Amino acid sequence: LSASTAIDILDLHFAYPGSEEVLKGVSLSLALGECAALIGPNGAGKSTLALHLNGLLRGTGLVKVLGVTVEDATVRGIRTRVGLVFQDPDDQLFLTTVGQDVAFGPSNLGLSAAEIDERVRGALTAVGMECAAQRLIQHLSFGEKKRVAVATALAMNPDILALDEPSANLDPKARRRLIEILGALPMAKLVITHDLALVNELC
């Protein structure tokens, strides 16, 4: 295990209550700035694995993020370093406007209003929605919601992005735009997907 890597997982096991093990001795390493895809059938544990990266789930084994072990004492700090983007943006977006949703994470860090505004502007610019801060979430297309969900993660200035099926249910134009956006992002990315063409382009 190395402090110079983004993610180190060693012999991770996890089972949901009343079920068989979903993760059975998983080990992997993701370098800083690297993009890797996690592929496999439904139910294989891909999303479950991603939820271990910021402590939303805890199994047995070792999970390190930027050289720091995920545990009770460190999980709050780690959650600012790992941005999770869920498959369904409606699971991630819950406030009224785009700007409010993107500002939610930074506002919980004790930042000044100016710093929060700067993060919101930067995150929305990165996903090509710099003029959308006042738009109502309910008026966005599905593709726009996906991009705002990415922006909510980017506003935390993460070192790692874990994206669950980022291209699912997107039309070709929205899919192409999202791939371009993700490809331009410098941080380490773990992409859970069935879209092998996306894997080929992005990773």
Protein backbone atom coordinates (compact mmCIF):
# COMPACT_ATOMS: atom_id res chain seq x y z
CA LEU A 1 0.00 0.00 0.00
CA SER A 2 1.30 3.42 -0.92
CA ALA A 3 0.48 6.96 0.15
CA SER A 4 1.10 8.00 -3.46
CA THR A 5 -1.97 6.11 -4.68
CA ALA A 6 -5.52 7.41 -4.73
CA ILE A 7 -7.19 4.19 -3.57
CA ASP A 8 -5.84 1.01 -2.03
CA ILE A 9 -8.20 -1.84 -1.17
CA LEU A 10 -6.88 -5.05 0.35
CA ASP A 11 -8.90 -8.24 0.95
CA LEU A 12 -12.26 -6.48 1.32
CA HIS A 13 -15.23 -8.62 2.35
CA PHE A 14 -18.81 -7.41 2.74
CA ALA A 15 -22.27 -8.94 3.11
CA TYR A 16 -25.61 -7.21 3.51
CA PRO A 17 -27.62 -8.42 6.51
CA GLY A 18 -29.20 -11.79 5.84
CA SER A 19 -27.42 -12.35 2.53
CA GLU A 20 -24.32 -14.04 1.20
CA GLU A 21 -21.09 -12.11 0.75
CA VAL A 22 -21.23 -9.57 -2.06
CA LEU A 23 -17.54 -8.68 -1.90
CA LYS A 24 -15.25 -11.67 -1.43
CA GLY A 25 -11.65 -10.65 -0.84
CA VAL A 26 -11.49 -7.73 -3.28
CA SER A 27 -8.14 -5.99 -3.71
CA LEU A 28 -7.33 -3.13 -6.07
CA SER A 29 -5.20 -0.04 -6.39
CA LEU A 30 -5.92 3.19 -8.28
CA ALA A 31 -3.12 5.63 -8.99
CA LEU A 32 -3.42 9.39 -8.61
CA GLY A 33 -4.96 10.78 -11.80
CA GLU A 34 -5.76 7.32 -13.18
CA CYS A 35 -9.10 6.38 -14.70
CA ALA A 36 -10.18 2.77 -14.19
CA ALA A 37 -13.43 1.03 -15.05
CA LEU A 38 -15.24 -1.46 -12.85
CA ILE A 39 -17.34 -3.75 -15.04
CA GLY A 40 -19.38 -6.86 -14.35
CA PRO A 41 -22.93 -8.19 -14.18
CA ASN A 42 -25.70 -6.65 -12.10
CA GLY A 43 -25.39 -7.77 -8.50
CA ALA A 44 -21.63 -8.34 -8.70
CA GLY A 45 -20.97 -5.74 -5.99
CA LYS A 46 -19.67 -2.83 -8.08
CA SER A 47 -21.80 -0.14 -6.43
CA THR A 48 -21.27 -1.77 -3.05
CA LEU A 49 -17.53 -1.43 -3.53
CA ALA A 50 -17.84 2.26 -4.42
CA LEU A 51 -19.81 2.96 -1.24
CA HIS A 52 -16.84 1.69 0.79
CA LEU A 53 -14.63 4.46 -0.58
CA ASN A 54 -16.09 7.08 1.73
CA GLY A 55 -17.34 4.84 4.50
CA LEU A 56 -21.02 4.71 3.62
CA LEU A 57 -20.56 0.95 3.90
CA ARG A 58 -17.93 -0.82 5.99
CA GLY A 59 -16.73 -4.35 5.44
CA THR A 60 -13.75 -6.27 6.73
CA GLY A 61 -10.38 -5.74 5.12
CA LEU A 62 -8.48 -2.56 4.44
CA VAL A 63 -9.66 0.49 2.47
CA LYS A 64 -7.23 3.40 2.13
CA VAL A 65 -7.89 6.72 0.42
CA LEU A 66 -4.81 8.85 -0.29
CA GLY A 67 -2.91 6.72 2.20
CA VAL A 68 -5.48 7.19 4.99
CA THR A 69 -7.45 4.20 6.30
CA VAL A 70 -11.23 4.61 6.16
CA GLU A 71 -12.40 4.39 9.78
CA ASP A 72 -14.53 6.33 12.25
CA ALA A 73 -11.81 8.88 13.05
CA THR A 74 -11.02 9.67 9.40
CA VAL A 75 -14.26 9.22 7.48
CA ARG A 76 -15.40 12.85 7.69
CA GLY A 77 -12.20 14.09 6.07
CA ILE A 78 -12.16 11.29 3.52
CA ARG A 79 -15.66 12.20 2.36
CA THR A 80 -14.34 15.57 1.20
CA ARG A 81 -11.68 13.78 -0.90
CA VAL A 82 -13.95 11.24 -2.61
CA GLY A 83 -16.83 12.44 -4.77
CA LEU A 84 -19.56 9.86 -5.36
CA VAL A 85 -21.90 10.31 -8.32
CA PHE A 86 -24.90 8.00 -8.19
CA GLN A 87 -26.51 6.31 -11.17
CA ASP A 88 -29.79 8.17 -10.73
CA PRO A 89 -29.21 11.92 -10.29
CA ASP A 90 -32.53 12.21 -8.46
CA ASP A 91 -30.86 10.28 -5.62
CA GLN A 92 -28.28 13.07 -5.40
CA LEU A 93 -30.23 16.25 -6.14
CA PHE A 94 -32.79 17.24 -3.50
CA LEU A 95 -32.89 21.04 -3.28
CA THR A 96 -34.82 23.53 -5.39
CA THR A 97 -32.23 25.10 -7.66
CA VAL A 98 -29.02 23.97 -9.32
CA GLY A 99 -26.95 26.46 -7.34
CA GLN A 100 -28.40 25.33 -4.02
CA ASP A 101 -27.62 21.69 -4.75
CA VAL A 102 -24.04 22.39 -5.84
CA ALA A 103 -23.47 24.65 -2.82
CA PHE A 104 -24.80 22.12 -0.31
CA GLY A 105 -21.54 20.23 0.24
CA PRO A 106 -19.22 23.24 0.47
CA SER A 107 -21.64 25.02 2.80
CA ASN A 108 -21.13 22.21 5.32
CA LEU A 109 -17.36 22.78 5.35
CA GLY A 110 -17.54 26.11 7.14
CA LEU A 111 -16.39 28.08 4.11
CA SER A 112 -17.16 31.76 3.57
CA ALA A 113 -19.96 32.77 1.24
CA ALA A 114 -17.40 33.99 -1.30
CA GLU A 115 -15.56 30.66 -1.22
CA ILE A 116 -18.81 28.74 -1.65
CA ASP A 117 -19.82 30.92 -4.59
CA GLU A 118 -16.41 30.37 -6.19
CA ARG A 119 -16.70 26.61 -5.82
CA VAL A 120 -20.21 26.59 -7.28
CA ARG A 121 -19.12 28.67 -10.27
CA GLY A 122 -16.07 26.49 -10.86
CA ALA A 123 -18.00 23.23 -10.62
CA LEU A 124 -20.79 24.40 -12.93
CA THR A 125 -18.26 25.74 -15.44
CA ALA A 126 -16.48 22.37 -15.44
CA VAL A 127 -19.68 20.61 -16.50
CA GLY A 128 -20.73 23.27 -19.00
CA MET A 129 -23.60 24.67 -16.94
CA GLU A 130 -22.12 27.93 -15.74
CA CYS A 131 -25.34 29.86 -16.45
CA ALA A 132 -27.65 27.35 -14.75
CA ALA A 133 -27.31 28.24 -11.06
CA GLN A 134 -30.81 29.71 -10.82
CA ARG A 135 -32.55 26.99 -12.82
CA LEU A 136 -35.00 24.71 -11.05
CA ILE A 137 -33.84 21.11 -10.75
CA GLN A 138 -37.27 19.87 -11.81
CA HIS A 139 -36.94 21.71 -15.13
CA LEU A 140 -33.66 20.04 -16.14
CA SER A 141 -33.36 17.25 -18.67
CA PHE A 142 -32.00 13.92 -17.44
CA GLY A 143 -28.64 14.65 -19.06
CA GLU A 144 -28.46 18.06 -17.39
CA LYS A 145 -29.25 16.46 -14.04
CA LYS A 146 -26.37 14.02 -14.57
CA ARG A 147 -24.02 16.94 -15.18
CA VAL A 148 -25.27 18.80 -12.09
CA ALA A 149 -24.76 15.64 -10.03
CA VAL A 150 -21.13 15.61 -11.19
CA ALA A 151 -20.89 19.31 -10.29
CA THR A 152 -22.10 18.62 -6.72
CA ALA A 153 -19.15 16.25 -6.35
CA LEU A 154 -16.67 18.62 -8.01
CA ALA A 155 -17.66 21.45 -5.67
CA MET A 156 -15.99 19.53 -2.85
CA ASN A 157 -12.64 19.67 -4.73
CA PRO A 158 -12.21 15.89 -4.57
CA ASP A 159 -9.07 13.98 -5.47
CA ILE A 160 -11.13 10.98 -6.54
CA LEU A 161 -14.44 10.59 -8.38
CA ALA A 162 -16.43 7.36 -8.21
CA LEU A 163 -19.15 7.37 -10.87
CA ASP A 164 -21.90 4.76 -10.97
CA GLU A 165 -23.17 4.15 -14.53
CA PRO A 166 -22.55 7.75 -15.64
CA SER A 167 -23.82 7.18 -19.21
CA ALA A 168 -26.94 5.18 -18.31
CA ASN A 169 -30.19 6.44 -19.86
CA LEU A 170 -28.51 9.30 -21.71
CA ASP A 171 -29.28 10.11 -25.32
CA PRO A 172 -26.27 10.08 -27.70
CA LYS A 173 -25.66 13.83 -27.54
CA ALA A 174 -25.82 13.99 -23.75
CA ARG A 175 -23.63 10.89 -23.48
CA ARG A 176 -20.99 12.43 -25.77
CA ARG A 177 -21.01 15.66 -23.74
CA LEU A 178 -20.61 13.82 -20.45
CA ILE A 179 -17.71 11.73 -21.76
CA GLU A 180 -15.96 14.92 -22.87
CA ILE A 181 -16.53 16.49 -19.44
CA LEU A 182 -15.27 13.46 -17.53
CA GLY A 183 -12.28 13.05 -19.82
CA ALA A 184 -11.15 16.60 -19.07
CA LEU A 185 -11.21 16.14 -15.29
CA PRO A 186 -7.75 15.60 -13.79
CA MET A 187 -8.59 13.61 -10.67
CA ALA A 188 -8.53 9.83 -10.27
CA LYS A 189 -11.75 8.26 -11.52
CA LEU A 190 -13.33 4.89 -10.79
CA VAL A 191 -16.11 4.36 -13.34
CA ILE A 192 -18.74 1.69 -12.78
CA THR A 193 -20.34 0.93 -16.12
CA HIS A 194 -21.75 -1.52 -18.63
CA ASP A 195 -20.85 0.92 -21.43
CA LEU A 196 -17.70 -0.61 -22.92
CA ALA A 197 -17.41 2.12 -25.53
CA LEU A 198 -17.25 4.67 -22.71
CA VAL A 199 -14.56 2.54 -21.02
CA ASN A 200 -12.54 2.54 -24.23
CA GLU A 201 -12.76 6.32 -24.59
CA LEU A 202 -12.45 7.37 -20.97
CA CYS A 203 -10.11 4.81 -19.45
